[in-house]
Full PDB file with SEQRES, HELIX, SHEET, SSBOND, CRYST1, ORIGX, SCALE, CONECT and MASTER records, all heavy atoms in Angstrom:
SEQRES   1 A   31  ASN GLU PHE ILE LYS LEU HIS LYS LYS LEU LYS GLU PHE          
SEQRES   2 A   31  GLU HIS ASP PRO TYR GLN SER ARG ALA PHE LEU TYR LEU          
SEQRES   3 A   31  ASP ILE ILE SER TRP                                          
HELIX    1 AA1 GLU A    2  LYS A   11  1                                  10    
HELIX    2 AA2 ALA A   22  TYR A   25  1                                   4    
CRYST1    1.000    1.000    1.000  90.00  90.00  90.00 P 1           1          
ORIGX1      1.000000  0.000000  0.000000        0.00000                         
ORIGX2      0.000000  1.000000  0.000000        0.00000                         
ORIGX3      0.000000  0.000000  1.000000        0.00000                         
SCALE1      1.000000  0.000000  0.000000        0.00000                         
SCALE2      0.000000  1.000000  0.000000        0.00000                         
SCALE3      0.000000  0.000000  1.000000        0.00000                         
ATOM      1  N   ASN A   1       9.204  -4.618  -5.764  1.00  0.00           N  
ATOM      2  CA  ASN A   1       8.578  -3.700  -4.807  1.00  0.00           C  
ATOM      3  C   ASN A   1       8.299  -2.339  -5.430  1.00  0.00           C  
ATOM      4  O   ASN A   1       7.280  -1.707  -5.132  1.00  0.00           O  
ATOM      5  CB  ASN A   1       9.463  -3.522  -3.571  1.00  0.00           C  
ATOM      6  CG  ASN A   1       9.447  -4.754  -2.675  1.00  0.00           C  
ATOM      7  OD1 ASN A   1       8.481  -5.505  -2.687  1.00  0.00           O  
ATOM      8  ND2 ASN A   1      10.524  -4.950  -1.911  1.00  0.00           N  
ATOM      9  N   GLU A   2       9.223  -1.892  -6.303  1.00  0.00           N  
ATOM     10  CA  GLU A   2       9.028  -0.605  -6.985  1.00  0.00           C  
ATOM     11  C   GLU A   2       7.857  -0.685  -7.966  1.00  0.00           C  
ATOM     12  O   GLU A   2       7.101   0.281  -8.130  1.00  0.00           O  
ATOM     13  CB  GLU A   2      10.313  -0.185  -7.710  1.00  0.00           C  
ATOM     14  CG  GLU A   2      11.469   0.137  -6.792  1.00  0.00           C  
ATOM     15  CD  GLU A   2      11.135   1.252  -5.798  1.00  0.00           C  
ATOM     16  OE1 GLU A   2      10.520   2.262  -6.217  1.00  0.00           O  
ATOM     17  OE2 GLU A   2      11.477   1.104  -4.610  1.00  0.00           O  
ATOM     18  N   PHE A   3       7.728  -1.844  -8.616  1.00  0.00           N  
ATOM     19  CA  PHE A   3       6.585  -2.060  -9.513  1.00  0.00           C  
ATOM     20  C   PHE A   3       5.273  -1.961  -8.719  1.00  0.00           C  
ATOM     21  O   PHE A   3       4.302  -1.354  -9.170  1.00  0.00           O  
ATOM     22  CB  PHE A   3       6.666  -3.437 -10.190  1.00  0.00           C  
ATOM     23  CG  PHE A   3       7.621  -3.493 -11.352  1.00  0.00           C  
ATOM     24  CD1 PHE A   3       8.423  -4.618 -11.549  1.00  0.00           C  
ATOM     25  CD2 PHE A   3       7.718  -2.455 -12.258  1.00  0.00           C  
ATOM     26  CE1 PHE A   3       9.301  -4.694 -12.624  1.00  0.00           C  
ATOM     27  CE2 PHE A   3       8.586  -2.519 -13.332  1.00  0.00           C  
ATOM     28  CZ  PHE A   3       9.389  -3.632 -13.513  1.00  0.00           C  
ATOM     29  N   ILE A   4       5.259  -2.558  -7.551  1.00  0.00           N  
ATOM     30  CA  ILE A   4       4.057  -2.554  -6.699  1.00  0.00           C  
ATOM     31  C   ILE A   4       3.704  -1.125  -6.274  1.00  0.00           C  
ATOM     32  O   ILE A   4       2.536  -0.722  -6.295  1.00  0.00           O  
ATOM     33  CB  ILE A   4       4.263  -3.462  -5.463  1.00  0.00           C  
ATOM     34  CG1 ILE A   4       4.358  -4.938  -5.906  1.00  0.00           C  
ATOM     35  CG2 ILE A   4       3.137  -3.278  -4.441  1.00  0.00           C  
ATOM     36  CD1 ILE A   4       4.787  -5.897  -4.803  1.00  0.00           C  
ATOM     37  N   LYS A   5       4.737  -0.337  -5.900  1.00  0.00           N  
ATOM     38  CA  LYS A   5       4.516   1.062  -5.494  1.00  0.00           C  
ATOM     39  C   LYS A   5       3.931   1.884  -6.635  1.00  0.00           C  
ATOM     40  O   LYS A   5       2.980   2.652  -6.458  1.00  0.00           O  
ATOM     41  CB  LYS A   5       5.837   1.693  -5.041  1.00  0.00           C  
ATOM     42  CG  LYS A   5       6.342   1.205  -3.701  1.00  0.00           C  
ATOM     43  CD  LYS A   5       7.676   1.887  -3.385  1.00  0.00           C  
ATOM     44  CE  LYS A   5       8.332   1.298  -2.137  1.00  0.00           C  
ATOM     45  NZ  LYS A   5       9.673   1.919  -1.913  1.00  0.00           N  
ATOM     46  N   LEU A   6       4.529   1.724  -7.826  1.00  0.00           N  
ATOM     47  CA  LEU A   6       4.050   2.488  -8.983  1.00  0.00           C  
ATOM     48  C   LEU A   6       2.623   2.058  -9.342  1.00  0.00           C  
ATOM     49  O   LEU A   6       1.775   2.898  -9.655  1.00  0.00           O  
ATOM     50  CB  LEU A   6       4.985   2.271 -10.184  1.00  0.00           C  
ATOM     51  CG  LEU A   6       4.577   2.974 -11.487  1.00  0.00           C  
ATOM     52  CD1 LEU A   6       4.555   4.499 -11.296  1.00  0.00           C  
ATOM     53  CD2 LEU A   6       5.526   2.625 -12.630  1.00  0.00           C  
ATOM     54  N   HIS A   7       2.371   0.760  -9.268  1.00  0.00           N  
ATOM     55  CA  HIS A   7       1.038   0.233  -9.577  1.00  0.00           C  
ATOM     56  C   HIS A   7      -0.013   0.842  -8.643  1.00  0.00           C  
ATOM     57  O   HIS A   7      -1.107   1.248  -9.076  1.00  0.00           O  
ATOM     58  CB  HIS A   7       1.050  -1.301  -9.439  1.00  0.00           C  
ATOM     59  CG  HIS A   7      -0.281  -1.941  -9.710  1.00  0.00           C  
ATOM     60  ND1 HIS A   7      -1.177  -2.251  -8.711  1.00  0.00           N  
ATOM     61  CD2 HIS A   7      -0.864  -2.325 -10.875  1.00  0.00           C  
ATOM     62  CE1 HIS A   7      -2.250  -2.800  -9.240  1.00  0.00           C  
ATOM     63  NE2 HIS A   7      -2.089  -2.872 -10.555  1.00  0.00           N  
ATOM     64  N   LYS A   8       0.312   0.951  -7.377  1.00  0.00           N  
ATOM     65  CA  LYS A   8      -0.609   1.518  -6.393  1.00  0.00           C  
ATOM     66  C   LYS A   8      -0.916   2.986  -6.710  1.00  0.00           C  
ATOM     67  O   LYS A   8      -2.076   3.423  -6.627  1.00  0.00           O  
ATOM     68  CB  LYS A   8       0.001   1.392  -4.991  1.00  0.00           C  
ATOM     69  CG  LYS A   8      -0.950   1.801  -3.870  1.00  0.00           C  
ATOM     70  CD  LYS A   8      -0.287   1.627  -2.504  1.00  0.00           C  
ATOM     71  CE  LYS A   8      -1.232   2.071  -1.382  1.00  0.00           C  
ATOM     72  NZ  LYS A   8      -0.596   1.943  -0.051  1.00  0.00           N  
ATOM     73  N   LYS A   9       0.120   3.725  -7.114  1.00  0.00           N  
ATOM     74  CA  LYS A   9      -0.071   5.150  -7.448  1.00  0.00           C  
ATOM     75  C   LYS A   9      -0.937   5.306  -8.695  1.00  0.00           C  
ATOM     76  O   LYS A   9      -1.847   6.143  -8.736  1.00  0.00           O  
ATOM     77  CB  LYS A   9       1.286   5.825  -7.678  1.00  0.00           C  
ATOM     78  CG  LYS A   9       2.063   6.083  -6.404  1.00  0.00           C  
ATOM     79  CD  LYS A   9       3.406   6.740  -6.725  1.00  0.00           C  
ATOM     80  CE  LYS A   9       4.235   6.961  -5.457  1.00  0.00           C  
ATOM     81  NZ  LYS A   9       5.577   7.511  -5.776  1.00  0.00           N  
ATOM     82  N   LEU A  10      -0.640   4.495  -9.720  1.00  0.00           N  
ATOM     83  CA  LEU A  10      -1.359   4.629 -10.987  1.00  0.00           C  
ATOM     84  C   LEU A  10      -2.806   4.164 -10.884  1.00  0.00           C  
ATOM     85  O   LEU A  10      -3.674   4.668 -11.593  1.00  0.00           O  
ATOM     86  CB  LEU A  10      -0.640   3.855 -12.098  1.00  0.00           C  
ATOM     87  CG  LEU A  10       0.767   4.346 -12.475  1.00  0.00           C  
ATOM     88  CD1 LEU A  10       1.269   3.632 -13.721  1.00  0.00           C  
ATOM     89  CD2 LEU A  10       0.795   5.859 -12.706  1.00  0.00           C  
ATOM     90  N   LYS A  11      -3.077   3.207 -10.005  1.00  0.00           N  
ATOM     91  CA  LYS A  11      -4.456   2.729  -9.814  1.00  0.00           C  
ATOM     92  C   LYS A  11      -5.379   3.853  -9.348  1.00  0.00           C  
ATOM     93  O   LYS A  11      -6.584   3.828  -9.606  1.00  0.00           O  
ATOM     94  CB  LYS A  11      -4.486   1.578  -8.800  1.00  0.00           C  
ATOM     95  CG  LYS A  11      -4.021   0.241  -9.338  1.00  0.00           C  
ATOM     96  CD  LYS A  11      -4.973  -0.374 -10.365  1.00  0.00           C  
ATOM     97  CE  LYS A  11      -6.192  -1.005  -9.728  1.00  0.00           C  
ATOM     98  NZ  LYS A  11      -7.035  -1.707 -10.746  1.00  0.00           N  
ATOM     99  N   GLU A  12      -4.779   4.845  -8.663  1.00  0.00           N  
ATOM    100  CA  GLU A  12      -5.568   5.997  -8.190  1.00  0.00           C  
ATOM    101  C   GLU A  12      -6.151   6.795  -9.356  1.00  0.00           C  
ATOM    102  O   GLU A  12      -7.166   7.468  -9.215  1.00  0.00           O  
ATOM    103  CB  GLU A  12      -4.692   6.920  -7.332  1.00  0.00           C  
ATOM    104  CG  GLU A  12      -4.198   6.292  -6.038  1.00  0.00           C  
ATOM    105  CD  GLU A  12      -3.193   7.187  -5.319  1.00  0.00           C  
ATOM    106  OE1 GLU A  12      -3.069   8.366  -5.714  1.00  0.00           O  
ATOM    107  OE2 GLU A  12      -2.530   6.709  -4.376  1.00  0.00           O  
ATOM    108  N   PHE A  13      -5.465   6.738 -10.516  1.00  0.00           N  
ATOM    109  CA  PHE A  13      -5.885   7.522 -11.680  1.00  0.00           C  
ATOM    110  C   PHE A  13      -6.779   6.734 -12.644  1.00  0.00           C  
ATOM    111  O   PHE A  13      -7.296   7.302 -13.601  1.00  0.00           O  
ATOM    112  CB  PHE A  13      -4.657   8.004 -12.467  1.00  0.00           C  
ATOM    113  CG  PHE A  13      -3.686   8.813 -11.651  1.00  0.00           C  
ATOM    114  CD1 PHE A  13      -2.354   8.436 -11.553  1.00  0.00           C  
ATOM    115  CD2 PHE A  13      -4.105   9.952 -10.991  1.00  0.00           C  
ATOM    116  CE1 PHE A  13      -1.445   9.176 -10.813  1.00  0.00           C  
ATOM    117  CE2 PHE A  13      -3.210  10.711 -10.246  1.00  0.00           C  
ATOM    118  CZ  PHE A  13      -1.868  10.317 -10.155  1.00  0.00           C  
ATOM    119  N   GLU A  14      -6.950   5.430 -12.371  1.00  0.00           N  
ATOM    120  CA  GLU A  14      -7.616   4.557 -13.342  1.00  0.00           C  
ATOM    121  C   GLU A  14      -9.038   5.012 -13.682  1.00  0.00           C  
ATOM    122  O   GLU A  14      -9.491   4.877 -14.823  1.00  0.00           O  
ATOM    123  CB  GLU A  14      -7.635   3.117 -12.818  1.00  0.00           C  
ATOM    124  CG  GLU A  14      -7.985   2.109 -13.893  1.00  0.00           C  
ATOM    125  CD  GLU A  14      -7.832   0.673 -13.411  1.00  0.00           C  
ATOM    126  OE1 GLU A  14      -7.828   0.427 -12.186  1.00  0.00           O  
ATOM    127  OE2 GLU A  14      -7.721  -0.214 -14.280  1.00  0.00           O  
ATOM    128  N   HIS A  15      -9.750   5.562 -12.707  1.00  0.00           N  
ATOM    129  CA  HIS A  15     -11.131   5.976 -12.936  1.00  0.00           C  
ATOM    130  C   HIS A  15     -11.296   7.498 -12.926  1.00  0.00           C  
ATOM    131  O   HIS A  15     -12.417   8.004 -12.889  1.00  0.00           O  
ATOM    132  CB  HIS A  15     -12.050   5.332 -11.893  1.00  0.00           C  
ATOM    133  CG  HIS A  15     -12.003   3.829 -11.918  1.00  0.00           C  
ATOM    134  ND1 HIS A  15     -12.458   3.094 -12.995  1.00  0.00           N  
ATOM    135  CD2 HIS A  15     -11.509   2.932 -11.011  1.00  0.00           C  
ATOM    136  CE1 HIS A  15     -12.268   1.805 -12.759  1.00  0.00           C  
ATOM    137  NE2 HIS A  15     -11.689   1.678 -11.570  1.00  0.00           N  
ATOM    138  N   ASP A  16     -10.173   8.202 -12.957  1.00  0.00           N  
ATOM    139  CA  ASP A  16     -10.209   9.666 -13.047  1.00  0.00           C  
ATOM    140  C   ASP A  16     -10.505  10.037 -14.506  1.00  0.00           C  
ATOM    141  O   ASP A  16      -9.744   9.667 -15.404  1.00  0.00           O  
ATOM    142  CB  ASP A  16      -8.843  10.230 -12.627  1.00  0.00           C  
ATOM    143  CG  ASP A  16      -8.825  11.759 -12.595  1.00  0.00           C  
ATOM    144  OD1 ASP A  16      -9.465  12.368 -13.472  1.00  0.00           O  
ATOM    145  OD2 ASP A  16      -8.157  12.328 -11.729  1.00  0.00           O  
ATOM    146  N   PRO A  17     -11.613  10.750 -14.768  1.00  0.00           N  
ATOM    147  CA  PRO A  17     -11.980  11.058 -16.166  1.00  0.00           C  
ATOM    148  C   PRO A  17     -10.917  11.830 -16.935  1.00  0.00           C  
ATOM    149  O   PRO A  17     -10.830  11.720 -18.159  1.00  0.00           O  
ATOM    150  CB  PRO A  17     -13.264  11.888 -16.023  1.00  0.00           C  
ATOM    151  CG  PRO A  17     -13.259  12.385 -14.613  1.00  0.00           C  
ATOM    152  CD  PRO A  17     -12.564  11.335 -13.818  1.00  0.00           C  
ATOM    153  N   TYR A  18     -10.088  12.607 -16.224  1.00  0.00           N  
ATOM    154  CA  TYR A  18      -9.055  13.394 -16.895  1.00  0.00           C  
ATOM    155  C   TYR A  18      -7.750  12.624 -17.086  1.00  0.00           C  
ATOM    156  O   TYR A  18      -6.907  13.017 -17.881  1.00  0.00           O  
ATOM    157  CB  TYR A  18      -8.761  14.682 -16.105  1.00  0.00           C  
ATOM    158  CG  TYR A  18      -9.952  15.592 -15.964  1.00  0.00           C  
ATOM    159  CD1 TYR A  18     -10.348  16.063 -14.712  1.00  0.00           C  
ATOM    160  CD2 TYR A  18     -10.705  15.974 -17.076  1.00  0.00           C  
ATOM    161  CE1 TYR A  18     -11.446  16.901 -14.572  1.00  0.00           C  
ATOM    162  CE2 TYR A  18     -11.805  16.808 -16.944  1.00  0.00           C  
ATOM    163  CZ  TYR A  18     -12.173  17.267 -15.691  1.00  0.00           C  
ATOM    164  OH  TYR A  18     -13.262  18.094 -15.567  1.00  0.00           O  
ATOM    165  N   GLN A  19      -7.567  11.536 -16.344  1.00  0.00           N  
ATOM    166  CA  GLN A  19      -6.303  10.809 -16.390  1.00  0.00           C  
ATOM    167  C   GLN A  19      -6.411   9.432 -17.047  1.00  0.00           C  
ATOM    168  O   GLN A  19      -5.438   8.932 -17.608  1.00  0.00           O  
ATOM    169  CB  GLN A  19      -5.760  10.619 -14.957  1.00  0.00           C  
ATOM    170  CG  GLN A  19      -5.500  11.902 -14.212  1.00  0.00           C  
ATOM    171  CD  GLN A  19      -4.403  12.736 -14.839  1.00  0.00           C  
ATOM    172  OE1 GLN A  19      -3.459  12.212 -15.425  1.00  0.00           O  
ATOM    173  NE2 GLN A  19      -4.526  14.052 -14.741  1.00  0.00           N  
ATOM    174  N   SER A  20      -7.599   8.849 -16.973  1.00  0.00           N  
ATOM    175  CA  SER A  20      -7.753   7.443 -17.384  1.00  0.00           C  
ATOM    176  C   SER A  20      -7.444   7.218 -18.857  1.00  0.00           C  
ATOM    177  O   SER A  20      -7.051   6.119 -19.254  1.00  0.00           O  
ATOM    178  CB  SER A  20      -9.175   6.966 -17.076  1.00  0.00           C  
ATOM    179  OG  SER A  20     -10.132   7.760 -17.768  1.00  0.00           O  
ATOM    180  N   ARG A  21      -7.594   8.265 -19.686  1.00  0.00           N  
ATOM    181  CA  ARG A  21      -7.388   8.062 -21.114  1.00  0.00           C  
ATOM    182  C   ARG A  21      -5.942   7.716 -21.446  1.00  0.00           C  
ATOM    183  O   ARG A  21      -5.660   7.068 -22.457  1.00  0.00           O  
ATOM    184  CB  ARG A  21      -7.816   9.317 -21.891  1.00  0.00           C  
ATOM    185  CG  ARG A  21      -7.976   8.988 -23.364  1.00  0.00           C  
ATOM    186  CD  ARG A  21      -8.401  10.179 -24.193  1.00  0.00           C  
ATOM    187  NE  ARG A  21      -8.355   9.769 -25.579  1.00  0.00           N  
ATOM    188  CZ  ARG A  21      -7.254   9.737 -26.298  1.00  0.00           C  
ATOM    189  NH1 ARG A  21      -6.114  10.091 -25.754  1.00  0.00           N  
ATOM    190  NH2 ARG A  21      -7.269   9.333 -27.557  1.00  0.00           N  
ATOM    191  N   ALA A  22      -5.023   8.118 -20.575  1.00  0.00           N  
ATOM    192  CA  ALA A  22      -3.614   7.784 -20.805  1.00  0.00           C  
ATOM    193  C   ALA A  22      -3.407   6.275 -20.870  1.00  0.00           C  
ATOM    194  O   ALA A  22      -2.525   5.784 -21.576  1.00  0.00           O  
ATOM    195  CB  ALA A  22      -2.755   8.387 -19.697  1.00  0.00           C  
ATOM    196  N   PHE A  23      -4.233   5.530 -20.158  1.00  0.00           N  
ATOM    197  CA  PHE A  23      -4.095   4.062 -20.135  1.00  0.00           C  
ATOM    198  C   PHE A  23      -4.556   3.411 -21.438  1.00  0.00           C  
ATOM    199  O   PHE A  23      -4.264   2.244 -21.681  1.00  0.00           O  
ATOM    200  CB  PHE A  23      -4.891   3.476 -18.967  1.00  0.00           C  
ATOM    201  CG  PHE A  23      -4.421   3.960 -17.621  1.00  0.00           C  
ATOM    202  CD1 PHE A  23      -5.264   4.669 -16.789  1.00  0.00           C  
ATOM    203  CD2 PHE A  23      -3.126   3.696 -17.189  1.00  0.00           C  
ATOM    204  CE1 PHE A  23      -4.827   5.119 -15.546  1.00  0.00           C  
ATOM    205  CE2 PHE A  23      -2.688   4.142 -15.948  1.00  0.00           C  
ATOM    206  CZ  PHE A  23      -3.535   4.855 -15.127  1.00  0.00           C  
ATOM    207  N   LEU A  24      -5.306   4.157 -22.261  1.00  0.00           N  
ATOM    208  CA  LEU A  24      -5.806   3.577 -23.511  1.00  0.00           C  
ATOM    209  C   LEU A  24      -4.708   3.477 -24.561  1.00  0.00           C  
ATOM    210  O   LEU A  24      -4.767   2.642 -25.458  1.00  0.00           O  
ATOM    211  CB  LEU A  24      -6.977   4.409 -24.042  1.00  0.00           C  
ATOM    212  CG  LEU A  24      -8.228   4.410 -23.147  1.00  0.00           C  
ATOM    213  CD1 LEU A  24      -9.220   5.450 -23.617  1.00  0.00           C  
ATOM    214  CD2 LEU A  24      -8.867   3.041 -23.113  1.00  0.00           C  
ATOM    215  N   TYR A  25      -3.712   4.362 -24.481  1.00  0.00           N  
ATOM    216  CA  TYR A  25      -2.578   4.296 -25.404  1.00  0.00           C  
ATOM    217  C   TYR A  25      -1.617   3.182 -25.004  1.00  0.00           C  
ATOM    218  O   TYR A  25      -1.050   2.494 -25.840  1.00  0.00           O  
ATOM    219  CB  TYR A  25      -1.810   5.627 -25.402  1.00  0.00           C  
ATOM    220  CG  TYR A  25      -2.425   6.678 -26.286  1.00  0.00           C  
ATOM    221  CD1 TYR A  25      -3.319   7.603 -25.768  1.00  0.00           C  
ATOM    222  CD2 TYR A  25      -2.109   6.741 -27.640  1.00  0.00           C  
ATOM    223  CE1 TYR A  25      -3.895   8.575 -26.578  1.00  0.00           C  
ATOM    224  CE2 TYR A  25      -2.679   7.715 -28.454  1.00  0.00           C  
ATOM    225  CZ  TYR A  25      -3.560   8.627 -27.922  1.00  0.00           C  
ATOM    226  OH  TYR A  25      -4.129   9.580 -28.721  1.00  0.00           O  
ATOM    227  N   LEU A  26      -1.406   3.076 -23.717  1.00  0.00           N  
ATOM    228  CA  LEU A  26      -0.470   2.074 -23.197  1.00  0.00           C  
ATOM    229  C   LEU A  26      -1.014   1.592 -21.859  1.00  0.00           C  
ATOM    230  O   LEU A  26      -1.132   2.362 -20.904  1.00  0.00           O  
ATOM    231  CB  LEU A  26       0.921   2.697 -23.010  1.00  0.00           C  
ATOM    232  CG  LEU A  26       2.001   1.796 -22.401  1.00  0.00           C  
ATOM    233  CD1 LEU A  26       2.212   0.548 -23.229  1.00  0.00           C  
ATOM    234  CD2 LEU A  26       3.312   2.567 -22.254  1.00  0.00           C  
ATOM    235  N   ASP A  27      -1.382   0.310 -21.806  1.00  0.00           N  
ATOM    236  CA  ASP A  27      -1.971  -0.252 -20.586  1.00  0.00           C  
ATOM    237  C   ASP A  27      -0.850  -0.522 -19.576  1.00  0.00           C  
ATOM    238  O   ASP A  27      -0.441  -1.656 -19.346  1.00  0.00           O  
ATOM    239  CB  ASP A  27      -2.730  -1.539 -20.940  1.00  0.00           C  
ATOM    240  CG  ASP A  27      -3.627  -2.001 -19.805  1.00  0.00           C  
ATOM    241  OD1 ASP A  27      -3.467  -1.477 -18.690  1.00  0.00           O  
ATOM    242  OD2 ASP A  27      -4.461  -2.886 -20.036  1.00  0.00           O  
ATOM    243  N   ILE A  28      -0.375   0.580 -18.974  1.00  0.00           N  
ATOM    244  CA  ILE A  28       0.741   0.486 -18.030  1.00  0.00           C  
ATOM    245  C   ILE A  28       0.374  -0.369 -16.821  1.00  0.00           C  
ATOM    246  O   ILE A  28       1.199  -1.132 -16.313  1.00  0.00           O  
ATOM    247  CB  ILE A  28       1.178   1.904 -17.567  1.00  0.00           C  
ATOM    248  CG1 ILE A  28       1.626   2.742 -18.768  1.00  0.00           C  
ATOM    249  CG2 ILE A  28       2.313   1.809 -16.560  1.00  0.00           C  
ATOM    250  CD1 ILE A  28       1.890   4.198 -18.441  1.00  0.00           C  
ATOM    251  N   ILE A  29      -0.885  -0.248 -16.376  1.00  0.00           N  
ATOM    252  CA  ILE A  29      -1.314  -1.001 -15.184  1.00  0.00           C  
ATOM    253  C   ILE A  29      -1.230  -2.505 -15.435  1.00  0.00           C  
ATOM    254  O   ILE A  29      -0.701  -3.256 -14.603  1.00  0.00           O  
ATOM    255  CB  ILE A  29      -2.740  -0.575 -14.773  1.00  0.00           C  
ATOM    256  CG1 ILE A  29      -2.688   0.830 -14.155  1.00  0.00           C  
ATOM    257  CG2 ILE A  29      -3.345  -1.572 -13.784  1.00  0.00           C  
ATOM    258  CD1 ILE A  29      -4.017   1.381 -13.709  1.00  0.00           C  
ATOM    259  N   SER A  30      -1.707  -2.946 -16.616  1.00  0.00           N  
ATOM    260  CA  SER A  30      -1.632  -4.380 -16.931  1.00  0.00           C  
ATOM    261  C   SER A  30      -0.183  -4.836 -17.065  1.00  0.00           C  
ATOM    262  O   SER A  30       0.172  -5.951 -16.668  1.00  0.00           O  
ATOM    263  CB  SER A  30      -2.407  -4.692 -18.217  1.00  0.00           C  
ATOM    264  OG  SER A  30      -3.789  -4.539 -18.016  1.00  0.00           O  
ATOM    265  N   TRP A  31       0.671  -3.973 -17.605  1.00  0.00           N  
ATOM    266  CA  TRP A  31       2.094  -4.323 -17.729  1.00  0.00           C  
ATOM    267  C   TRP A  31       2.722  -4.487 -16.343  1.00  0.00           C  
ATOM    268  O   TRP A  31       3.446  -5.452 -16.085  1.00  0.00           O  
ATOM    269  CB  TRP A  31       2.845  -3.268 -18.531  1.00  0.00           C  
ATOM    270  CG  TRP A  31       4.318  -3.541 -18.586  1.00  0.00           C  
ATOM    271  CD1 TRP A  31       4.952  -4.545 -19.262  1.00  0.00           C  
ATOM    272  CD2 TRP A  31       5.356  -2.810 -17.907  1.00  0.00           C  
ATOM    273  NE1 TRP A  31       6.308  -4.486 -19.062  1.00  0.00           N  
ATOM    274  CE2 TRP A  31       6.586  -3.430 -18.236  1.00  0.00           C  
ATOM    275  CE3 TRP A  31       5.363  -1.689 -17.080  1.00  0.00           C  
ATOM    276  CZ2 TRP A  31       7.803  -2.964 -17.753  1.00  0.00           C  
ATOM    277  CZ3 TRP A  31       6.579  -1.216 -16.611  1.00  0.00           C  
ATOM    278  CH2 TRP A  31       7.783  -1.863 -16.936  1.00  0.00           C  
TER     279      TRP A  31                                                      
MASTER        0    0    0    2    0    0    0    6  278    1    0    3          
END                                                                             
């Protein structure tokens, strides 16, 4: 359930031009 909560929060940043680059170093959402 905690994974699901964090996933929901991080998905909000996936297409944010200032935040999305963080996912290129480590694909936290896919994990």
